[in-house]
Amino acid sequence: MFQRMLLPKKTAALIAALLFCMKIISLAAAEEPPAITVTSESITPEGRLITTTAANRGPNKPRGQNLSPQLTFDPVEGASLYAVYMFDMDANWLHFAVTDVTETCLSLGLYSDKKQYVGPYPPKGKDHHYRIEVFALQAVPDKPAGKMNASNNYQKITDSLDISGGQPGNILRRGEIIGLYRNGDNTVAAEE
């Protein structure tokens, strides 16, 4: 009635290796904390950053108003503060860096100091992808990495946020939203 199916040794080994990898991936996924939900009225339903968030400088045409984007995100239990970064993923360029946020709703233009925010100003051509990421932190990071309005290594930035008191594990949770911007955009929010 029941016949045992014999597989070639290579096929059986391949199936066993695949099942083992699937188990490892599911364990790794289970260890990852849930993401923070991040929303922004400064990103249209089509995923475009509104022009007012762009830099008020060339090569932008039209020029923006250099207003930091409006953001809302989930509060995280145990977080004493939040860090917010905006990174141009196509140019490895840091546009927004604050590490002392205590509110979970940030109004449009809240950060106007050029040491904290410089809006997008990509060269003419293609869309650039701007990752806005929120980090829930247990404590103030020892030495946050990242130079504003310059090329940076995003992994070094995130690694630096995870160290407080010389110990790793400072990031409790994180979440992101991505907005597109292209030189020449004249995108307005739905309410404008």
Protein backbone atom coordinates (compact mmCIF):
# COMPACT_ATOMS: atom_id res chain seq x y z
CA MET A 1 0.00 0.00 0.00
CA PHE A 2 2.41 2.67 1.19
CA GLN A 3 5.58 2.75 -0.80
CA ARG A 4 8.64 4.48 0.48
CA MET A 5 10.02 6.97 -2.00
CA LEU A 6 13.77 6.89 -2.31
CA LEU A 7 15.50 10.08 -3.34
CA PRO A 8 19.01 10.35 -4.68
CA LYS A 9 21.46 11.20 -1.89
CA LYS A 10 22.27 14.64 -3.36
CA THR A 11 18.59 15.57 -3.56
CA ALA A 12 17.92 14.39 0.00
CA ALA A 13 20.94 16.37 1.27
CA LEU A 14 19.77 19.46 -0.59
CA ILE A 15 16.27 19.19 0.89
CA ALA A 16 17.71 18.73 4.40
CA ALA A 17 19.96 21.80 3.96
CA LEU A 18 17.01 23.85 2.69
CA LEU A 19 14.84 22.88 5.67
CA PHE A 20 17.69 23.73 8.05
CA CYS A 21 18.11 27.20 6.46
CA MET A 22 14.37 27.83 6.68
CA LYS A 23 14.48 27.02 10.40
CA ILE A 24 17.42 29.42 10.96
CA ILE A 25 15.64 32.21 9.04
CA SER A 26 12.43 31.75 11.04
CA LEU A 27 14.39 31.87 14.32
CA ALA A 28 16.20 35.05 13.24
CA ALA A 29 12.91 36.67 12.23
CA ALA A 30 11.37 35.79 15.60
CA GLU A 31 14.20 37.60 17.41
CA GLU A 32 13.69 40.86 15.48
CA PRO A 33 11.56 43.30 17.50
CA PRO A 34 8.44 44.63 15.82
CA ALA A 35 8.96 47.77 13.76
CA ILE A 36 7.76 51.22 14.73
CA THR A 37 5.02 52.49 12.43
CA VAL A 38 6.12 55.81 10.93
CA THR A 39 3.76 58.06 8.94
CA SER A 40 4.19 61.49 7.39
CA GLU A 41 1.86 64.13 5.98
CA SER A 42 4.96 65.37 4.13
CA ILE A 43 4.91 62.29 1.88
CA THR A 44 2.05 62.02 -0.59
CA PRO A 45 0.03 58.80 -1.03
CA GLU A 46 2.14 58.29 -4.18
CA GLY A 47 5.26 58.27 -1.99
CA ARG A 48 6.69 61.69 -2.96
CA LEU A 49 8.18 64.20 -0.51
CA ILE A 50 6.44 67.56 -0.70
CA THR A 51 8.56 70.33 -2.20
CA THR A 52 8.51 72.46 1.00
CA THR A 53 10.81 69.85 2.59
CA ALA A 54 13.42 70.32 -0.16
CA ALA A 55 16.44 72.59 0.30
CA ASN A 56 16.13 76.27 -0.51
CA ARG A 57 19.17 76.14 -2.80
CA GLY A 58 20.40 75.01 -6.17
CA PRO A 59 20.24 72.80 -8.04
CA ASN A 60 16.59 72.60 -6.90
CA LYS A 61 14.17 74.23 -9.30
CA PRO A 62 11.72 75.08 -7.87
CA ARG A 63 13.49 75.67 -4.57
CA GLY A 64 12.00 74.27 -1.40
CA GLN A 65 11.60 75.91 1.99
CA ASN A 66 13.99 73.56 3.84
CA LEU A 67 11.29 72.47 6.29
CA SER A 68 11.91 69.19 8.11
CA PRO A 69 9.13 66.71 7.32
CA GLN A 70 6.11 66.17 9.52
CA LEU A 71 6.38 62.77 11.23
CA THR A 72 4.21 60.68 13.52
CA PHE A 73 5.37 57.40 15.03
CA ASP A 74 4.42 54.85 17.66
CA PRO A 75 5.56 55.46 21.23
CA VAL A 76 7.77 52.62 22.47
CA GLU A 77 7.64 51.36 26.05
CA GLY A 78 11.00 51.78 27.76
CA ALA A 79 12.29 54.42 25.32
CA SER A 80 13.62 57.55 26.99
CA LEU A 81 14.17 59.29 23.65
CA TYR A 82 14.12 58.84 19.90
CA ALA A 83 16.58 59.53 17.10
CA VAL A 84 15.41 60.57 13.64
CA TYR A 85 17.60 60.34 10.54
CA MET A 86 16.91 61.03 6.88
CA PHE A 87 19.35 59.49 4.44
CA ASP A 88 19.49 59.78 0.65
CA MET A 89 19.98 56.10 -0.18
CA ASP A 90 21.07 56.87 -3.76
CA ALA A 91 23.86 59.27 -2.75
CA ASN A 92 24.71 58.00 0.79
CA TRP A 93 23.98 61.54 1.97
CA LEU A 94 22.77 62.50 5.45
CA HIS A 95 20.03 65.17 5.42
CA PHE A 96 18.43 64.93 8.89
CA ALA A 97 19.93 63.91 12.22
CA VAL A 98 18.46 64.50 15.67
CA THR A 99 19.09 62.24 18.65
CA ASP A 100 17.18 63.99 21.44
CA VAL A 101 13.55 63.67 20.35
CA THR A 102 11.03 63.10 23.15
CA GLU A 103 7.77 63.60 21.23
CA THR A 104 6.16 61.13 18.81
CA CYS A 105 4.53 63.75 16.58
CA LEU A 106 6.90 66.20 14.88
CA SER A 107 5.39 69.15 13.04
CA LEU A 108 6.46 70.31 9.58
CA GLY A 109 9.52 72.54 9.92
CA LEU A 110 10.19 71.73 13.59
CA TYR A 111 13.90 71.33 12.86
CA SER A 112 15.28 74.25 10.88
CA ASP A 113 18.90 74.41 12.11
CA LYS A 114 21.24 73.35 9.29
CA LYS A 115 23.13 71.26 11.85
CA GLN A 116 19.97 69.14 12.13
CA TYR A 117 18.19 69.35 8.77
CA VAL A 118 19.10 70.15 5.16
CA GLY A 119 16.39 69.23 2.69
CA PRO A 120 16.89 67.21 -0.49
CA TYR A 121 18.72 68.81 -3.41
CA PRO A 122 19.60 65.98 -5.81
CA PRO A 123 21.13 66.61 -9.22
CA LYS A 124 18.81 66.64 -12.23
CA GLY A 125 17.86 63.23 -13.48
CA LYS A 126 16.33 60.38 -11.56
CA ASP A 127 14.30 60.01 -8.37
CA HIS A 128 16.26 59.79 -5.15
CA HIS A 129 15.00 57.61 -2.27
CA TYR A 130 15.00 59.30 1.14
CA ARG A 131 14.82 56.92 4.07
CA ILE A 132 13.43 58.60 7.18
CA GLU A 133 14.14 56.28 10.08
CA VAL A 134 13.07 56.56 13.70
CA PHE A 135 15.02 54.77 16.44
CA ALA A 136 13.54 54.21 19.91
CA LEU A 137 16.46 54.43 22.35
CA GLN A 138 16.82 53.39 25.96
CA ALA A 139 19.37 56.13 26.66
CA VAL A 140 21.49 58.80 25.00
CA PRO A 141 23.97 57.13 22.61
CA ASP A 142 27.64 57.49 23.54
CA LYS A 143 28.83 59.01 20.29
CA PRO A 144 26.31 59.22 17.44
CA ALA A 145 28.05 58.98 14.07
CA GLY A 146 27.17 60.92 10.97
CA LYS A 147 28.18 64.20 9.45
CA MET A 148 25.29 66.40 8.34
CA ASN A 149 24.93 67.30 4.67
CA ALA A 150 27.74 64.94 3.71
CA SER A 151 28.43 61.42 2.50
CA ASN A 152 28.13 58.83 5.29
CA ASN A 153 28.07 55.11 5.96
CA TYR A 154 24.52 54.37 7.16
CA GLN A 155 25.53 51.17 8.95
CA LYS A 156 28.09 53.09 11.05
CA ILE A 157 25.38 55.58 11.98
CA THR A 158 22.95 52.88 13.12
CA ASP A 159 25.69 50.94 14.93
CA SER A 160 26.67 54.09 16.86
CA LEU A 161 23.08 54.67 18.03
CA ASP A 162 23.04 51.17 19.53
CA ILE A 163 25.87 51.93 22.02
CA SER A 164 25.16 53.64 25.34
CA GLY A 165 27.33 53.41 28.44
CA GLY A 166 29.80 51.42 26.36
CA GLN A 167 27.26 48.62 25.92
CA PRO A 168 25.32 47.53 22.82
CA GLY A 169 21.55 47.09 22.86
CA ASN A 170 20.46 50.74 23.10
CA ILE A 171 18.04 50.53 20.13
CA LEU A 172 14.75 49.09 21.34
CA ARG A 173 12.85 49.34 18.06
CA ARG A 174 13.07 51.14 14.76
CA GLY A 175 10.85 52.00 11.84
CA GLU A 176 11.09 53.85 8.57
CA ILE A 177 9.22 55.54 5.79
CA ILE A 178 10.65 56.30 2.36
CA GLY A 179 9.88 59.35 0.26
CA LEU A 180 10.94 60.01 -3.31
CA TYR A 181 12.19 63.37 -4.54
CA ARG A 182 13.52 64.47 -7.93
CA ASN A 183 15.01 67.79 -8.92
CA GLY A 184 12.15 69.68 -10.54
CA ASP A 185 9.39 68.23 -8.34
CA ASN A 186 6.66 70.65 -7.39
CA THR A 187 4.68 68.38 -5.10
CA VAL A 188 2.23 69.76 -2.55
CA ALA A 189 0.42 68.04 0.31
CA ALA A 190 -3.25 67.22 -0.18
CA GLU A 191 -4.26 69.90 2.36
CA GLU A 192 -2.33 72.69 0.59
